[in-house]
Amino acid sequence: MIEGLHPVLQGLIGTLFTWFVTALGSAFVFVFPENMSNETEDKILTTSLGFAGGVMLAASYWSLLAPAIELSEELGYGELKWLPPTIGFLVGATFVHLADAFLPTPDITSVLKKNDDANKTSARTWRRVFLLVIAITVHNIPEGLAVGVGFGAVGSTESATFARAKHLAIGIGIQNFPEGLAVSLPLRRCGFSNWDSFVWGQLSGMVEPVAGVLGAYLVWHMQSLLPYFLSFAAGAMIYVVVDDIVPETSHSKHAKMASIGCMVGLVVMMSLDVGLG
């Protein structure tokens, strides 16, 4: 624990860091040339999404589900130590499913130039891009919640350590970098300017500090619910991986690069949590 800082403030600092890395990734839309070929852009996006998926899978187990099971045992659930993580996991997955199902899809044609064949093509692909943007934004909520919960729970049990919370924040931040780029580049392809693509890309991570403060506050006052909060975040993230990231990358002709990125992301997050924890 950072001496003298309230756990809720630590949660805010941790999630401000993850938001900053999201913005940094989105800012790379200014680095890549606007005339970059679709082939190159697809390679970058597919590999980046695969890497993000790997980090999310590793974080879901080592930083969320495993501690949730340990905490359930420490809180007296005994042989039913699997029950709180199971409930939280299913609720988290259901949350993202319902968010995907009920969020409306706006009409992009109002922001595109008229009588432009390229923009007409962009309009036809807008729904797929928008759903990906929404998926990343929605799953940033449980990610921020997870980081906030991690800091808010420090010292409450043997499993809840500052090192684990710090490494979780670093891991989420690392995978937020390619996610920020995965939002801004498709938006530019759809006809948005570099600046607008960056603004919307970094906004996808703005929900994390809000969720982080909420998570840290709730855990600080309701520590018995900690296993549910941790597994909720895990369920939400894994649902995003299997429902959004895997289908998105599997339809690309560069799907093998996504698989390699996923393996690298998983190893990076595992090393952070296990090797440095």
C-alpha atoms as a PDB file:
ATOM      1  CA  MET A   1       0.000   0.000   0.000  1.00  0.00           C
ATOM      2  CA  ILE A   2       1.206   3.519  -0.752  1.00  0.00           C
ATOM      3  CA  GLU A   3       1.821   5.097   2.626  1.00  0.00           C
ATOM      4  CA  GLY A   4      -0.689   7.803   3.502  1.00  0.00           C
ATOM      5  CA  LEU A   5      -3.004   7.279   0.520  1.00  0.00           C
ATOM      6  CA  HIS A   6      -6.560   6.048   0.976  1.00  0.00           C
ATOM      7  CA  PRO A   7      -7.312   2.827  -0.984  1.00  0.00           C
ATOM      8  CA  VAL A   8      -9.999   4.639  -2.993  1.00  0.00           C
ATOM      9  CA  LEU A   9      -7.442   7.259  -4.058  1.00  0.00           C
ATOM     10  CA  GLN A  10      -5.035   4.488  -4.989  1.00  0.00           C
ATOM     11  CA  GLY A  11      -7.762   2.931  -7.111  1.00  0.00           C
ATOM     12  CA  LEU A  12      -8.277   6.269  -8.845  1.00  0.00           C
ATOM     13  CA  ILE A  13      -4.550   6.656  -9.560  1.00  0.00           C
ATOM     14  CA  GLY A  14      -4.334   3.093 -10.888  1.00  0.00           C
ATOM     15  CA  THR A  15      -7.250   3.561 -13.281  1.00  0.00           C
ATOM     16  CA  LEU A  16      -6.073   7.008 -14.394  1.00  0.00           C
ATOM     17  CA  PHE A  17      -2.916   5.197 -15.475  1.00  0.00           C
ATOM     18  CA  THR A  18      -4.911   2.634 -17.483  1.00  0.00           C
ATOM     19  CA  TRP A  19      -6.910   5.440 -19.099  1.00  0.00           C
ATOM     20  CA  PHE A  20      -3.688   7.263 -20.001  1.00  0.00           C
ATOM     21  CA  VAL A  21      -2.339   4.155 -21.757  1.00  0.00           C
ATOM     22  CA  THR A  22      -5.619   3.845 -23.681  1.00  0.00           C
ATOM     23  CA  ALA A  23      -5.207   7.446 -24.841  1.00  0.00           C
ATOM     24  CA  LEU A  24      -1.584   6.740 -25.754  1.00  0.00           C
ATOM     25  CA  GLY A  25      -2.655   3.842 -27.939  1.00  0.00           C
ATOM     26  CA  SER A  26      -5.381   5.930 -29.560  1.00  0.00           C
ATOM     27  CA  ALA A  27      -2.845   8.692 -30.271  1.00  0.00           C
ATOM     28  CA  PHE A  28      -0.951   6.379 -32.597  1.00  0.00           C
ATOM     29  CA  VAL A  29      -3.634   7.156 -35.170  1.00  0.00           C
ATOM     30  CA  PHE A  30      -1.552  10.301 -35.767  1.00  0.00           C
ATOM     31  CA  VAL A  31       1.580   8.200 -36.307  1.00  0.00           C
ATOM     32  CA  PHE A  32       0.266   5.767 -38.888  1.00  0.00           C
ATOM     33  CA  PRO A  33      -0.168   7.414 -42.315  1.00  0.00           C
ATOM     34  CA  GLU A  34      -3.684   7.999 -43.573  1.00  0.00           C
ATOM     35  CA  ASN A  35      -2.816   6.307 -46.861  1.00  0.00           C
ATOM     36  CA  MET A  36      -1.781   3.130 -45.051  1.00  0.00           C
ATOM     37  CA  SER A  37      -3.086   0.105 -46.929  1.00  0.00           C
ATOM     38  CA  ASN A  38      -6.017  -1.879 -45.550  1.00  0.00           C
ATOM     39  CA  GLU A  39      -3.732  -4.925 -45.541  1.00  0.00           C
ATOM     40  CA  THR A  40      -1.242  -3.299 -43.167  1.00  0.00           C
ATOM     41  CA  GLU A  41      -3.980  -1.855 -40.986  1.00  0.00           C
ATOM     42  CA  ASP A  42      -5.656  -5.251 -40.707  1.00  0.00           C
ATOM     43  CA  LYS A  43      -2.380  -6.850 -39.620  1.00  0.00           C
ATOM     44  CA  ILE A  44      -1.876  -4.227 -36.900  1.00  0.00           C
ATOM     45  CA  LEU A  45      -5.444  -4.413 -35.616  1.00  0.00           C
ATOM     46  CA  THR A  46      -5.649  -8.201 -35.676  1.00  0.00           C
ATOM     47  CA  THR A  47      -2.359  -8.657 -33.843  1.00  0.00           C
ATOM     48  CA  SER A  48      -3.253  -5.935 -31.329  1.00  0.00           C
ATOM     49  CA  LEU A  49      -6.649  -7.449 -30.563  1.00  0.00           C
ATOM     50  CA  GLY A  50      -5.107 -10.891 -30.163  1.00  0.00           C
ATOM     51  CA  PHE A  51      -2.567  -9.482 -27.716  1.00  0.00           C
ATOM     52  CA  ALA A  52      -5.312  -7.715 -25.752  1.00  0.00           C
ATOM     53  CA  GLY A  53      -7.315 -10.945 -25.612  1.00  0.00           C
ATOM     54  CA  GLY A  54      -4.345 -12.855 -24.222  1.00  0.00           C
ATOM     55  CA  VAL A  55      -3.758 -10.277 -21.500  1.00  0.00           C
ATOM     56  CA  MET A  56      -7.440 -10.336 -20.579  1.00  0.00           C
ATOM     57  CA  LEU A  57      -7.528 -14.137 -20.339  1.00  0.00           C
ATOM     58  CA  ALA A  58      -4.437 -14.237 -18.126  1.00  0.00           C
ATOM     59  CA  ALA A  59      -5.649 -11.378 -15.934  1.00  0.00           C
ATOM     60  CA  SER A  60      -9.049 -13.029 -15.568  1.00  0.00           C
ATOM     61  CA  TYR A  61      -7.491 -16.096 -13.982  1.00  0.00           C
ATOM     62  CA  TRP A  62      -4.347 -15.060 -12.141  1.00  0.00           C
ATOM     63  CA  SER A  63      -5.492 -11.627 -10.960  1.00  0.00           C
ATOM     64  CA  LEU A  64      -9.230 -12.196 -10.536  1.00  0.00           C
ATOM     65  CA  LEU A  65     -10.606 -15.751 -10.430  1.00  0.00           C
ATOM     66  CA  ALA A  66      -7.793 -17.384  -8.452  1.00  0.00           C
ATOM     67  CA  PRO A  67      -7.814 -14.659  -5.754  1.00  0.00           C
ATOM     68  CA  ALA A  68     -11.635 -14.822  -5.679  1.00  0.00           C
ATOM     69  CA  ILE A  69     -11.505 -18.546  -4.897  1.00  0.00           C
ATOM     70  CA  GLU A  70      -8.843 -18.014  -2.220  1.00  0.00           C
ATOM     71  CA  LEU A  71     -10.801 -15.157  -0.673  1.00  0.00           C
ATOM     72  CA  SER A  72     -13.986 -17.232  -0.610  1.00  0.00           C
ATOM     73  CA  GLU A  73     -12.158 -19.882   1.415  1.00  0.00           C
ATOM     74  CA  GLU A  74     -10.686 -17.290   3.764  1.00  0.00           C
ATOM     75  CA  LEU A  75     -14.149 -15.765   4.263  1.00  0.00           C
ATOM     76  CA  GLY A  76     -15.522 -19.097   5.482  1.00  0.00           C
ATOM     77  CA  TYR A  77     -17.243 -20.628   2.472  1.00  0.00           C
ATOM     78  CA  GLY A  78     -15.353 -23.890   2.977  1.00  0.00           C
ATOM     79  CA  GLU A  79     -16.261 -26.525   0.388  1.00  0.00           C
ATOM     80  CA  LEU A  80     -18.520 -23.955  -1.309  1.00  0.00           C
ATOM     81  CA  LYS A  81     -15.580 -21.651  -2.051  1.00  0.00           C
ATOM     82  CA  TRP A  82     -16.394 -22.057  -5.754  1.00  0.00           C
ATOM     83  CA  LEU A  83     -19.887 -20.574  -5.344  1.00  0.00           C
ATOM     84  CA  PRO A  84     -19.176 -16.807  -5.018  1.00  0.00           C
ATOM     85  CA  PRO A  85     -16.738 -16.823  -7.983  1.00  0.00           C
ATOM     86  CA  THR A  86     -19.254 -18.778 -10.052  1.00  0.00           C
ATOM     87  CA  ILE A  87     -22.078 -16.354  -9.302  1.00  0.00           C
ATOM     88  CA  GLY A  88     -19.944 -13.289  -9.921  1.00  0.00           C
ATOM     89  CA  PHE A  89     -18.507 -14.773 -13.126  1.00  0.00           C
ATOM     90  CA  LEU A  90     -21.940 -15.505 -14.608  1.00  0.00           C
ATOM     91  CA  VAL A  91     -23.327 -12.095 -13.596  1.00  0.00           C
ATOM     92  CA  GLY A  92     -20.344 -10.375 -15.213  1.00  0.00           C
ATOM     93  CA  ALA A  93     -20.804 -12.268 -18.480  1.00  0.00           C
ATOM     94  CA  THR A  94     -24.544 -11.549 -18.433  1.00  0.00           C
ATOM     95  CA  PHE A  95     -23.864  -7.843 -17.872  1.00  0.00           C
ATOM     96  CA  VAL A  96     -21.771  -7.548 -21.039  1.00  0.00           C
ATOM     97  CA  HIS A  97     -24.226  -9.685 -23.026  1.00  0.00           C
ATOM     98  CA  LEU A  98     -27.144  -7.433 -22.086  1.00  0.00           C
ATOM     99  CA  ALA A  99     -25.105  -4.304 -22.779  1.00  0.00           C
ATOM    100  CA  ASP A 100     -24.302  -5.570 -26.276  1.00  0.00           C
ATOM    101  CA  ALA A 101     -27.933  -6.553 -26.863  1.00  0.00           C
ATOM    102  CA  PHE A 102     -29.640  -3.344 -25.790  1.00  0.00           C
ATOM    103  CA  LEU A 103     -27.236  -0.546 -26.726  1.00  0.00           C
ATOM    104  CA  PRO A 104     -28.491   1.251 -29.869  1.00  0.00           C
ATOM    105  CA  THR A 105     -26.467   1.611 -33.056  1.00  0.00           C
ATOM    106  CA  PRO A 106     -26.342   5.168 -34.459  1.00  0.00           C
ATOM    107  CA  ASP A 107     -26.412   6.016 -38.150  1.00  0.00           C
ATOM    108  CA  ILE A 108     -22.924   6.979 -39.281  1.00  0.00           C
ATOM    109  CA  THR A 109     -24.117   8.417 -42.609  1.00  0.00           C
ATOM    110  CA  SER A 110     -24.812  11.740 -40.935  1.00  0.00           C
ATOM    111  CA  VAL A 111     -21.105  12.253 -40.258  1.00  0.00           C
ATOM    112  CA  LEU A 112     -19.848  11.031 -43.625  1.00  0.00           C
ATOM    113  CA  LYS A 113     -19.594  12.940 -46.877  1.00  0.00           C
ATOM    114  CA  LYS A 114     -22.407  12.314 -49.324  1.00  0.00           C
ATOM    115  CA  ASN A 115     -21.975  10.635 -52.730  1.00  0.00           C
ATOM    116  CA  ASP A 116     -18.622   9.168 -51.788  1.00  0.00           C
ATOM    117  CA  ASP A 117     -18.211   5.497 -52.677  1.00  0.00           C
ATOM    118  CA  ALA A 118     -15.524   4.961 -50.053  1.00  0.00           C
ATOM    119  CA  ASN A 119     -17.745   6.417 -47.366  1.00  0.00           C
ATOM    120  CA  LYS A 120     -20.660   4.296 -48.518  1.00  0.00           C
ATOM    121  CA  THR A 121     -18.462   1.288 -47.952  1.00  0.00           C
ATOM    122  CA  SER A 122     -17.575   2.675 -44.532  1.00  0.00           C
ATOM    123  CA  ALA A 123     -21.244   3.096 -43.719  1.00  0.00           C
ATOM    124  CA  ARG A 124     -21.903  -0.544 -44.552  1.00  0.00           C
ATOM    125  CA  THR A 125     -19.161  -1.650 -42.161  1.00  0.00           C
ATOM    126  CA  TRP A 126     -20.085   0.859 -39.450  1.00  0.00           C
ATOM    127  CA  ARG A 127     -22.240  -1.475 -37.382  1.00  0.00           C
ATOM    128  CA  ARG A 128     -19.420  -4.003 -37.006  1.00  0.00           C
ATOM    129  CA  VAL A 129     -16.954  -1.259 -36.052  1.00  0.00           C
ATOM    130  CA  PHE A 130     -19.415   0.366 -33.663  1.00  0.00           C
ATOM    131  CA  LEU A 131     -20.133  -2.911 -31.895  1.00  0.00           C
ATOM    132  CA  LEU A 132     -16.401  -3.444 -31.428  1.00  0.00           C
ATOM    133  CA  VAL A 133     -16.033   0.080 -30.008  1.00  0.00           C
ATOM    134  CA  ILE A 134     -18.965  -0.514 -27.655  1.00  0.00           C
ATOM    135  CA  ALA A 135     -17.557  -3.885 -26.615  1.00  0.00           C
ATOM    136  CA  ILE A 136     -14.199  -2.340 -25.716  1.00  0.00           C
ATOM    137  CA  THR A 137     -15.869   0.526 -23.855  1.00  0.00           C
ATOM    138  CA  VAL A 138     -18.221  -1.777 -21.954  1.00  0.00           C
ATOM    139  CA  HIS A 139     -15.516  -4.197 -20.933  1.00  0.00           C
ATOM    140  CA  ASN A 140     -13.401  -1.286 -19.709  1.00  0.00           C
ATOM    141  CA  ILE A 141     -16.006  -0.921 -16.952  1.00  0.00           C
ATOM    142  CA  PRO A 142     -15.206  -4.253 -15.257  1.00  0.00           C
ATOM    143  CA  GLU A 143     -11.511  -3.693 -15.958  1.00  0.00           C
ATOM    144  CA  GLY A 144     -11.647  -0.406 -14.060  1.00  0.00           C
ATOM    145  CA  LEU A 145     -13.748  -2.104 -11.409  1.00  0.00           C
ATOM    146  CA  ALA A 146     -11.174  -4.870 -11.106  1.00  0.00           C
ATOM    147  CA  VAL A 147      -8.296  -2.418 -10.614  1.00  0.00           C
ATOM    148  CA  GLY A 148     -10.299  -0.430  -8.069  1.00  0.00           C
ATOM    149  CA  VAL A 149     -11.308  -3.590  -6.227  1.00  0.00           C
ATOM    150  CA  GLY A 150      -7.686  -4.730  -6.192  1.00  0.00           C
ATOM    151  CA  PHE A 151      -6.497  -1.546  -4.482  1.00  0.00           C
ATOM    152  CA  GLY A 152      -9.532  -1.253  -2.238  1.00  0.00           C
ATOM    153  CA  ALA A 153      -9.004  -4.773  -0.912  1.00  0.00           C
ATOM    154  CA  VAL A 154      -5.307  -4.372  -0.061  1.00  0.00           C
ATOM    155  CA  GLY A 155      -4.667  -5.618   3.457  1.00  0.00           C
ATOM    156  CA  SER A 156      -8.129  -7.120   3.950  1.00  0.00           C
ATOM    157  CA  THR A 157      -6.879 -10.695   3.419  1.00  0.00           C
ATOM    158  CA  GLU A 158      -3.579 -12.446   2.785  1.00  0.00           C
ATOM    159  CA  SER A 159      -4.432 -12.766  -0.898  1.00  0.00           C
ATOM    160  CA  ALA A 160      -5.159  -9.062  -1.366  1.00  0.00           C
ATOM    161  CA  THR A 161      -1.715  -7.476  -1.718  1.00  0.00           C
ATOM    162  CA  PHE A 162      -0.547  -4.157  -3.091  1.00  0.00           C
ATOM    163  CA  ALA A 163       1.821  -5.980  -5.466  1.00  0.00           C
ATOM    164  CA  ARG A 164      -1.073  -7.937  -6.978  1.00  0.00           C
ATOM    165  CA  ALA A 165      -3.177  -4.783  -7.379  1.00  0.00           C
ATOM    166  CA  LYS A 166      -0.245  -2.911  -8.935  1.00  0.00           C
ATOM    167  CA  HIS A 167       0.539  -5.672 -11.398  1.00  0.00           C
ATOM    168  CA  LEU A 168      -3.114  -5.946 -12.355  1.00  0.00           C
ATOM    169  CA  ALA A 169      -3.163  -2.207 -13.134  1.00  0.00           C
ATOM    170  CA  ILE A 170       0.023  -2.540 -15.195  1.00  0.00           C
ATOM    171  CA  GLY A 171      -1.358  -5.539 -17.071  1.00  0.00           C
ATOM    172  CA  ILE A 172      -4.663  -3.813 -17.829  1.00  0.00           C
ATOM    173  CA  GLY A 173      -2.736  -0.738 -18.924  1.00  0.00           C
ATOM    174  CA  ILE A 174      -0.550  -2.784 -21.294  1.00  0.00           C
ATOM    175  CA  GLN A 175      -3.540  -4.361 -23.006  1.00  0.00           C
ATOM    176  CA  ASN A 176      -5.329  -1.003 -23.160  1.00  0.00           C
ATOM    177  CA  PHE A 177      -2.653   0.315 -25.513  1.00  0.00           C
ATOM    178  CA  PRO A 178      -3.601  -1.897 -28.473  1.00  0.00           C
ATOM    179  CA  GLU A 179      -7.265  -1.497 -27.562  1.00  0.00           C
ATOM    180  CA  GLY A 180      -7.012   2.289 -27.902  1.00  0.00           C
ATOM    181  CA  LEU A 181      -5.498   1.767 -31.332  1.00  0.00           C
ATOM    182  CA  ALA A 182      -8.171  -0.831 -32.154  1.00  0.00           C
ATOM    183  CA  VAL A 183     -10.791   1.886 -31.640  1.00  0.00           C
ATOM    184  CA  SER A 184      -9.130   4.829 -33.374  1.00  0.00           C
ATOM    185  CA  LEU A 185      -7.909   3.106 -36.556  1.00  0.00           C
ATOM    186  CA  PRO A 186     -11.283   1.575 -37.568  1.00  0.00           C
ATOM    187  CA  LEU A 187     -12.989   4.913 -36.893  1.00  0.00           C
ATOM    188  CA  ARG A 188     -10.554   6.653 -39.224  1.00  0.00           C
ATOM    189  CA  ARG A 189     -11.247   4.009 -41.844  1.00  0.00           C
ATOM    190  CA  CYS A 190     -14.948   4.838 -41.511  1.00  0.00           C
ATOM    191  CA  GLY A 191     -14.280   8.478 -42.401  1.00  0.00           C
ATOM    192  CA  PHE A 192     -13.546  10.183 -39.077  1.00  0.00           C
ATOM    193  CA  SER A 193     -10.659  12.639 -38.885  1.00  0.00           C
ATOM    194  CA  ASN A 194      -7.480  11.726 -36.993  1.00  0.00           C
ATOM    195  CA  TRP A 195      -8.486  14.007 -34.134  1.00  0.00           C
ATOM    196  CA  ASP A 196     -12.036  12.684 -33.844  1.00  0.00           C
ATOM    197  CA  SER A 197     -10.751   9.101 -34.001  1.00  0.00           C
ATOM    198  CA  PHE A 198      -8.315   9.859 -31.173  1.00  0.00           C
ATOM    199  CA  VAL A 199     -10.965  11.566 -29.036  1.00  0.00           C
ATOM    200  CA  TRP A 200     -13.411   8.674 -29.339  1.00  0.00           C
ATOM    201  CA  GLY A 201     -10.617   6.153 -28.849  1.00  0.00           C
ATOM    202  CA  GLN A 202      -9.450   7.622 -25.566  1.00  0.00           C
ATOM    203  CA  LEU A 203     -13.061   8.096 -24.421  1.00  0.00           C
ATOM    204  CA  SER A 204     -13.434   4.316 -24.488  1.00  0.00           C
ATOM    205  CA  GLY A 205     -11.042   4.219 -21.519  1.00  0.00           C
ATOM    206  CA  MET A 206     -12.537   7.124 -19.600  1.00  0.00           C
ATOM    207  CA  VAL A 207     -15.012   4.807 -17.885  1.00  0.00           C
ATOM    208  CA  GLU A 208     -12.183   3.041 -16.065  1.00  0.00           C
ATOM    209  CA  PRO A 209     -11.411   5.736 -13.439  1.00  0.00           C
ATOM    210  CA  VAL A 210     -15.139   6.026 -12.656  1.00  0.00           C
ATOM    211  CA  ALA A 211     -15.492   2.258 -12.264  1.00  0.00           C
ATOM    212  CA  GLY A 212     -12.202   2.095 -10.356  1.00  0.00           C
ATOM    213  CA  VAL A 213     -13.315   4.577  -7.705  1.00  0.00           C
ATOM    214  CA  LEU A 214     -16.657   2.802  -7.412  1.00  0.00           C
ATOM    215  CA  GLY A 215     -14.993  -0.598  -7.046  1.00  0.00           C
ATOM    216  CA  ALA A 216     -12.512   0.577  -4.417  1.00  0.00           C
ATOM    217  CA  TYR A 217     -15.267   2.331  -2.459  1.00  0.00           C
ATOM    218  CA  LEU A 218     -17.603  -0.665  -2.492  1.00  0.00           C
ATOM    219  CA  VAL A 219     -14.893  -3.088  -1.403  1.00  0.00           C
ATOM    220  CA  TRP A 220     -13.729  -0.717   1.318  1.00  0.00           C
ATOM    221  CA  HIS A 221     -17.238  -0.777   2.803  1.00  0.00           C
ATOM    222  CA  MET A 222     -18.392  -4.283   1.779  1.00  0.00           C
ATOM    223  CA  GLN A 223     -15.353  -6.542   1.885  1.00  0.00           C
ATOM    224  CA  SER A 224     -17.465  -9.689   2.119  1.00  0.00           C
ATOM    225  CA  LEU A 225     -18.535  -9.072  -1.503  1.00  0.00           C
ATOM    226  CA  LEU A 226     -14.945  -8.990  -2.771  1.00  0.00           C
ATOM    227  CA  PRO A 227     -15.011 -12.495  -4.378  1.00  0.00           C
ATOM    228  CA  TYR A 228     -18.139 -11.505  -6.298  1.00  0.00           C
ATOM    229  CA  PHE A 229     -16.579  -8.260  -7.552  1.00  0.00           C
ATOM    230  CA  LEU A 230     -13.367  -9.968  -8.667  1.00  0.00           C
ATOM    231  CA  SER A 231     -15.158 -12.782 -10.490  1.00  0.00           C
ATOM    232  CA  PHE A 232     -17.655 -10.323 -12.012  1.00  0.00           C
ATOM    233  CA  ALA A 233     -14.759  -8.564 -13.717  1.00  0.00           C
ATOM    234  CA  ALA A 234     -13.341 -11.915 -14.859  1.00  0.00           C
ATOM    235  CA  GLY A 235     -16.647 -13.044 -16.333  1.00  0.00           C
ATOM    236  CA  ALA A 236     -17.121  -9.779 -18.187  1.00  0.00           C
ATOM    237  CA  MET A 237     -13.618  -9.823 -19.661  1.00  0.00           C
ATOM    238  CA  ILE A 238     -13.720 -13.463 -20.752  1.00  0.00           C
ATOM    239  CA  TYR A 239     -17.127 -12.911 -22.364  1.00  0.00           C
ATOM    240  CA  VAL A 240     -15.674 -10.020 -24.359  1.00  0.00           C
ATOM    241  CA  VAL A 241     -12.788 -12.217 -25.509  1.00  0.00           C
ATOM    242  CA  VAL A 242     -14.957 -15.108 -26.727  1.00  0.00           C
ATOM    243  CA  ASP A 243     -17.874 -13.023 -28.031  1.00  0.00           C
ATOM    244  CA  ASP A 244     -16.077 -10.063 -29.617  1.00  0.00           C
ATOM    245  CA  ILE A 245     -12.322 -10.423 -29.944  1.00  0.00           C
ATOM    246  CA  VAL A 246     -12.186 -14.057 -31.107  1.00  0.00           C
ATOM    247  CA  PRO A 247     -14.893 -13.646 -33.802  1.00  0.00           C
ATOM    248  CA  GLU A 248     -13.418 -10.300 -34.898  1.00  0.00           C
ATOM    249  CA  THR A 249      -9.940 -11.756 -35.426  1.00  0.00           C
ATOM    250  CA  SER A 250     -10.998 -15.184 -36.741  1.00  0.00           C
ATOM    251  CA  HIS A 251     -12.661 -13.574 -39.774  1.00  0.00           C
ATOM    252  CA  SER A 252      -9.413 -11.848 -40.703  1.00  0.00           C
ATOM    253  CA  LYS A 253      -7.019 -13.470 -43.135  1.00  0.00           C
ATOM    254  CA  HIS A 254      -4.335 -12.632 -40.567  1.00  0.00           C
ATOM    255  CA  ALA A 255      -5.961 -14.752 -37.849  1.00  0.00           C
ATOM    256  CA  LYS A 256      -2.659 -16.567 -37.173  1.00  0.00           C
ATOM    257  CA  MET A 257      -1.120 -13.247 -36.139  1.00  0.00           C
ATOM    258  CA  ALA A 258      -3.953 -12.793 -33.652  1.00  0.00           C
ATOM    259  CA  SER A 259      -3.184 -16.224 -32.192  1.00  0.00           C
ATOM    260  CA  ILE A 260       0.487 -15.316 -31.807  1.00  0.00           C
ATOM    261  CA  GLY A 261      -0.461 -11.976 -30.258  1.00  0.00           C
ATOM    262  CA  CYS A 262      -2.780 -13.772 -27.833  1.00  0.00           C
ATOM    263  CA  MET A 263      -0.012 -16.132 -26.695  1.00  0.00           C
ATOM    264  CA  VAL A 264       2.403 -13.238 -26.196  1.00  0.00           C
ATOM    265  CA  GLY A 265      -0.198 -11.223 -24.278  1.00  0.00           C
ATOM    266  CA  LEU A 266      -1.006 -14.155 -22.010  1.00  0.00           C
ATOM    267  CA  VAL A 267       2.668 -14.762 -21.221  1.00  0.00           C
ATOM    268  CA  VAL A 268       3.282 -11.049 -20.542  1.00  0.00           C
ATOM    269  CA  MET A 269       0.392 -10.837 -18.076  1.00  0.00           C
ATOM    270  CA  MET A 270       1.248 -14.167 -16.451  1.00  0.00           C
ATOM    271  CA  SER A 271       4.840 -13.027 -15.989  1.00  0.00           C
ATOM    272  CA  LEU A 272       3.703  -9.770 -14.402  1.00  0.00           C
ATOM    273  CA  ASP A 273       1.342 -11.448 -11.971  1.00  0.00           C
ATOM    274  CA  VAL A 274       3.202 -14.661 -11.129  1.00  0.00           C
ATOM    275  CA  GLY A 275       6.815 -13.797 -11.807  1.00  0.00           C
ATOM    276  CA  LEU A 276       6.752 -10.371 -10.170  1.00  0.00           C
ATOM    277  CA  GLY A 277       4.017 -10.961  -7.601  1.00  0.00           C
END
